Amino acid sequence: MSFELIAFFAFAAVLVAAACSVILMRNPVHAALSLVLTFFSAACLWLLLQAEFLGITLVLVYVGAVMILFLFVVMMLDINMTPVREGFARYFPIAAIVAAIMLAEMLGLIGVFGGKESVGLSATDPAAAAHMSNIQWIGQALFTRFMLPFEIAAVILTVAIVIAVMLTLRRRTGTKTQDPARQVAVRREDRVRLVKMNAETRPADGRAEGNP
């Protein structure tokens, strides 16, 4: 059994175990750390298959952006987070274990690509046939032959973002909202009233004239 195959089974086992931990763990912090490990293990599998673009995208987009979105959602839910925030140092062992596993996976990838092991791509692989890396071939194909589908996908995603924003703007009872049209149409007379009062002089002791 080659080292590449051993690394593949190790990454797959970590991926399945971390994915199960995301579902089974009741603590949201532990689940988030397990999800990070899941994404990273999947990225290692893509890198093992020499799909560098997919692996890097998985780390940058999902670990760097989607995980932050998940944490914001958890923070915005109506959950009593006080017990979770208390004793934050107790989460350090779990984070250290996750970091150690990720380090071991990176060392495994270095061992695969730095050794004499062959990753074994097929001879019909277009990137290998063009003597280009996976990222170079995807970039060239994406902006030449598949330019129109790429632009259509960008338009669809933009429309989806606009629709998602519009769905969140629905009126709810008991919430404070702003009406820009009413704010722009407000007049000074509706907000400020000038009151004229007769001036009175006060003696040196601070009492008004006529008061005992």
Protein backbone atom coordinates (compact mmCIF):
# COMPACT_ATOMS: atom_id res chain seq x y z
CA MET A 1 0.00 0.00 0.00
CA SER A 2 1.46 3.32 -1.06
CA PHE A 3 1.80 6.33 1.20
CA GLU A 4 -0.61 8.23 -1.02
CA LEU A 5 -3.35 5.64 -0.41
CA ILE A 6 -2.67 5.67 3.33
CA ALA A 7 -2.99 9.47 3.36
CA PHE A 8 -6.24 9.24 1.41
CA PHE A 9 -7.83 6.84 3.91
CA ALA A 10 -6.55 8.93 6.84
CA PHE A 11 -8.00 12.15 5.42
CA ALA A 12 -11.30 10.40 4.62
CA ALA A 13 -11.55 8.96 8.14
CA VAL A 14 -10.92 12.37 9.72
CA LEU A 15 -13.46 13.93 7.35
CA VAL A 16 -16.21 11.46 8.28
CA ALA A 17 -15.46 11.68 12.01
CA ALA A 18 -15.45 15.49 11.98
CA ALA A 19 -18.69 15.62 9.97
CA CYS A 20 -20.38 13.31 12.48
CA SER A 21 -19.10 15.50 15.32
CA VAL A 22 -20.74 18.56 13.76
CA ILE A 23 -24.11 16.81 14.00
CA LEU A 24 -23.68 15.06 17.34
CA MET A 25 -22.07 17.80 19.44
CA ARG A 26 -24.51 19.99 21.34
CA ASN A 27 -22.04 22.78 22.07
CA PRO A 28 -22.05 25.27 19.13
CA VAL A 29 -18.37 26.14 19.61
CA HIS A 30 -17.32 22.49 19.43
CA ALA A 31 -19.54 22.00 16.39
CA ALA A 32 -17.97 25.01 14.67
CA LEU A 33 -14.46 23.70 15.31
CA SER A 34 -15.47 20.30 13.95
CA LEU A 35 -16.88 21.96 10.85
CA VAL A 36 -13.57 23.75 10.28
CA LEU A 37 -11.79 20.39 10.50
CA THR A 38 -14.33 18.90 8.06
CA PHE A 39 -13.72 21.60 5.47
CA PHE A 40 -9.95 21.37 5.88
CA SER A 41 -9.94 17.58 5.50
CA ALA A 42 -12.03 17.86 2.33
CA ALA A 43 -9.55 20.42 1.01
CA CYS A 44 -6.71 17.99 1.71
CA LEU A 45 -8.50 15.33 -0.35
CA TRP A 46 -8.84 17.77 -3.26
CA LEU A 47 -5.16 18.67 -3.02
CA LEU A 48 -4.29 14.98 -2.95
CA LEU A 49 -6.12 14.64 -6.27
CA GLN A 50 -4.19 17.67 -7.60
CA ALA A 51 -7.35 19.78 -7.74
CA GLU A 52 -5.57 22.77 -6.21
CA PHE A 53 -8.23 25.29 -7.18
CA LEU A 54 -11.02 23.40 -5.41
CA GLY A 55 -8.91 22.83 -2.31
CA ILE A 56 -7.83 26.46 -2.01
CA THR A 57 -11.37 27.68 -2.70
CA LEU A 58 -12.75 25.37 -0.02
CA VAL A 59 -10.36 26.80 2.57
CA LEU A 60 -10.73 30.46 1.58
CA VAL A 61 -14.49 30.53 0.97
CA TYR A 62 -15.89 28.04 3.45
CA VAL A 63 -13.41 28.19 6.30
CA GLY A 64 -12.71 31.90 5.88
CA ALA A 65 -16.18 33.22 5.01
CA VAL A 66 -18.97 30.70 5.49
CA MET A 67 -17.77 29.73 8.96
CA ILE A 68 -17.84 33.39 10.00
CA LEU A 69 -21.40 33.58 8.68
CA PHE A 70 -22.36 30.51 10.71
CA LEU A 71 -20.91 32.09 13.85
CA PHE A 72 -22.86 35.30 13.22
CA VAL A 73 -26.06 33.27 12.81
CA VAL A 74 -25.39 31.43 16.07
CA MET A 75 -24.79 34.74 17.82
CA MET A 76 -28.01 36.26 16.43
CA LEU A 77 -30.25 33.35 17.40
CA ASP A 78 -32.32 33.58 20.55
CA ILE A 79 -30.01 31.30 22.51
CA ASN A 80 -28.72 31.79 26.01
CA MET A 81 -25.04 32.18 25.15
CA THR A 82 -23.95 33.18 28.66
CA PRO A 83 -22.96 29.64 29.69
CA VAL A 84 -21.09 29.24 26.40
CA ARG A 85 -19.09 32.44 26.90
CA GLU A 86 -18.20 31.61 30.50
CA GLY A 87 -14.86 29.87 30.89
CA PHE A 88 -13.78 30.37 27.31
CA ALA A 89 -10.37 28.88 28.11
CA ARG A 90 -11.93 25.44 28.46
CA TYR A 91 -12.36 25.32 24.68
CA PHE A 92 -8.61 25.55 24.18
CA PRO A 93 -7.99 21.76 24.39
CA ILE A 94 -10.53 21.09 21.62
CA ALA A 95 -9.03 23.85 19.49
CA ALA A 96 -5.52 22.46 20.11
CA ILE A 97 -6.63 18.97 19.04
CA VAL A 98 -8.19 20.35 15.86
CA ALA A 99 -5.04 22.37 15.10
CA ALA A 100 -2.84 19.31 15.71
CA ILE A 101 -4.91 17.19 13.32
CA MET A 102 -4.75 19.93 10.67
CA LEU A 103 -0.97 20.14 11.11
CA ALA A 104 -0.68 16.37 10.71
CA GLU A 105 -2.73 16.54 7.52
CA MET A 106 -0.49 19.27 6.10
CA LEU A 107 2.60 17.22 6.93
CA GLY A 108 0.96 14.26 5.20
CA LEU A 109 0.42 16.32 2.06
CA ILE A 110 4.03 17.48 2.16
CA GLY A 111 5.10 13.85 2.44
CA VAL A 112 3.00 12.86 -0.57
CA PHE A 113 4.13 15.67 -2.87
CA GLY A 114 7.68 15.88 -1.56
CA GLY A 115 8.43 12.19 -1.83
CA LYS A 116 8.71 9.90 -4.78
CA GLU A 117 5.05 8.99 -4.69
CA SER A 118 3.09 9.61 -7.84
CA VAL A 119 -0.32 11.16 -7.46
CA GLY A 120 -1.34 9.23 -10.51
CA LEU A 121 -3.44 11.46 -12.71
CA SER A 122 -4.87 9.97 -15.83
CA ALA A 123 -3.15 10.61 -19.12
CA THR A 124 -6.39 12.07 -20.43
CA ASP A 125 -6.43 14.79 -17.77
CA PRO A 126 -6.66 18.10 -19.71
CA ALA A 127 -4.38 19.99 -17.35
CA ALA A 128 -1.66 17.33 -17.57
CA ALA A 129 -2.08 17.06 -21.34
CA ALA A 130 -1.60 20.83 -21.67
CA HIS A 131 1.44 20.71 -19.33
CA MET A 132 -0.29 23.21 -17.03
CA SER A 133 -1.26 23.25 -13.38
CA ASN A 134 -4.86 22.75 -12.37
CA ILE A 135 -5.34 26.43 -11.51
CA GLN A 136 -3.82 27.64 -14.78
CA TRP A 137 -5.98 25.32 -16.86
CA ILE A 138 -9.19 26.29 -15.01
CA GLY A 139 -8.43 30.00 -15.37
CA GLN A 140 -7.76 29.70 -19.07
CA ALA A 141 -10.84 27.56 -19.71
CA LEU A 142 -13.08 29.70 -17.51
CA PHE A 143 -12.33 32.97 -19.25
CA THR A 144 -12.21 31.63 -22.82
CA ARG A 145 -14.53 28.72 -23.63
CA PHE A 146 -16.84 29.07 -20.63
CA MET A 147 -17.00 32.85 -20.38
CA LEU A 148 -20.75 33.08 -21.10
CA PRO A 149 -21.83 30.43 -18.52
CA PHE A 150 -19.54 32.12 -15.98
CA GLU A 151 -21.22 35.49 -16.52
CA ILE A 152 -24.70 33.92 -16.38
CA ALA A 153 -23.84 32.26 -13.06
CA ALA A 154 -22.62 35.63 -11.73
CA VAL A 155 -25.93 37.29 -12.71
CA ILE A 156 -27.94 34.49 -11.08
CA LEU A 157 -25.97 34.81 -7.85
CA THR A 158 -26.43 38.59 -7.85
CA VAL A 159 -30.19 38.21 -8.29
CA ALA A 160 -30.24 35.65 -5.48
CA ILE A 161 -28.47 38.08 -3.13
CA VAL A 162 -30.95 40.87 -3.97
CA ILE A 163 -33.92 38.54 -3.41
CA ALA A 164 -32.49 37.35 -0.09
CA VAL A 165 -32.15 40.95 1.07
CA MET A 166 -35.72 41.74 0.00
CA LEU A 167 -37.06 38.71 1.88
CA THR A 168 -35.39 39.86 5.08
CA LEU A 169 -37.01 43.31 4.80
CA ARG A 170 -40.50 42.05 5.55
CA ARG A 171 -42.31 43.85 8.36
CA ARG A 172 -42.47 42.13 11.70
CA THR A 173 -44.52 43.10 14.72
CA GLY A 174 -42.58 44.48 17.63
CA THR A 175 -39.52 45.52 15.61
CA LYS A 176 -38.26 49.02 14.89
CA THR A 177 -37.79 49.84 11.23
CA GLN A 178 -36.81 52.91 9.26
CA ASP A 179 -38.77 54.43 6.38
CA PRO A 180 -36.36 56.42 4.21
CA ALA A 181 -39.23 58.10 2.32
CA ARG A 182 -40.70 59.51 5.52
CA GLN A 183 -37.26 60.56 6.76
CA VAL A 184 -36.58 62.53 3.59
CA ALA A 185 -40.05 64.12 3.54
CA VAL A 186 -39.85 65.42 7.12
CA ARG A 187 -40.14 69.20 7.59
CA ARG A 188 -38.47 71.45 10.09
CA GLU A 189 -41.83 72.64 11.38
CA ASP A 190 -42.74 69.08 12.31
CA ARG A 191 -39.68 68.58 14.49
CA VAL A 192 -38.74 72.01 15.87
CA ARG A 193 -41.04 74.59 17.49
CA LEU A 194 -39.82 78.09 18.32
CA VAL A 195 -41.33 79.57 21.46
CA LYS A 196 -41.11 83.31 22.17
CA MET A 197 -40.87 84.33 25.81
CA ASN A 198 -40.47 87.72 27.41
CA ALA A 199 -37.06 88.28 28.89
CA GLU A 200 -36.82 89.02 32.58
CA THR A 201 -34.04 90.55 34.56
CA ARG A 202 -32.74 88.95 37.71
CA PRO A 203 -31.05 90.71 40.60
CA ALA A 204 -27.63 89.78 41.86
CA ASP A 205 -29.01 87.25 44.37
CA GLY A 206 -30.46 85.17 41.51
CA ARG A 207 -34.17 85.84 42.25
CA ALA A 208 -36.50 87.36 39.65
CA GLU A 209 -37.91 90.81 40.20
CA GLY A 210 -41.13 90.90 42.18
CA ASN A 211 -40.36 87.67 44.08
CA PRO A 212 -39.84 87.95 47.83
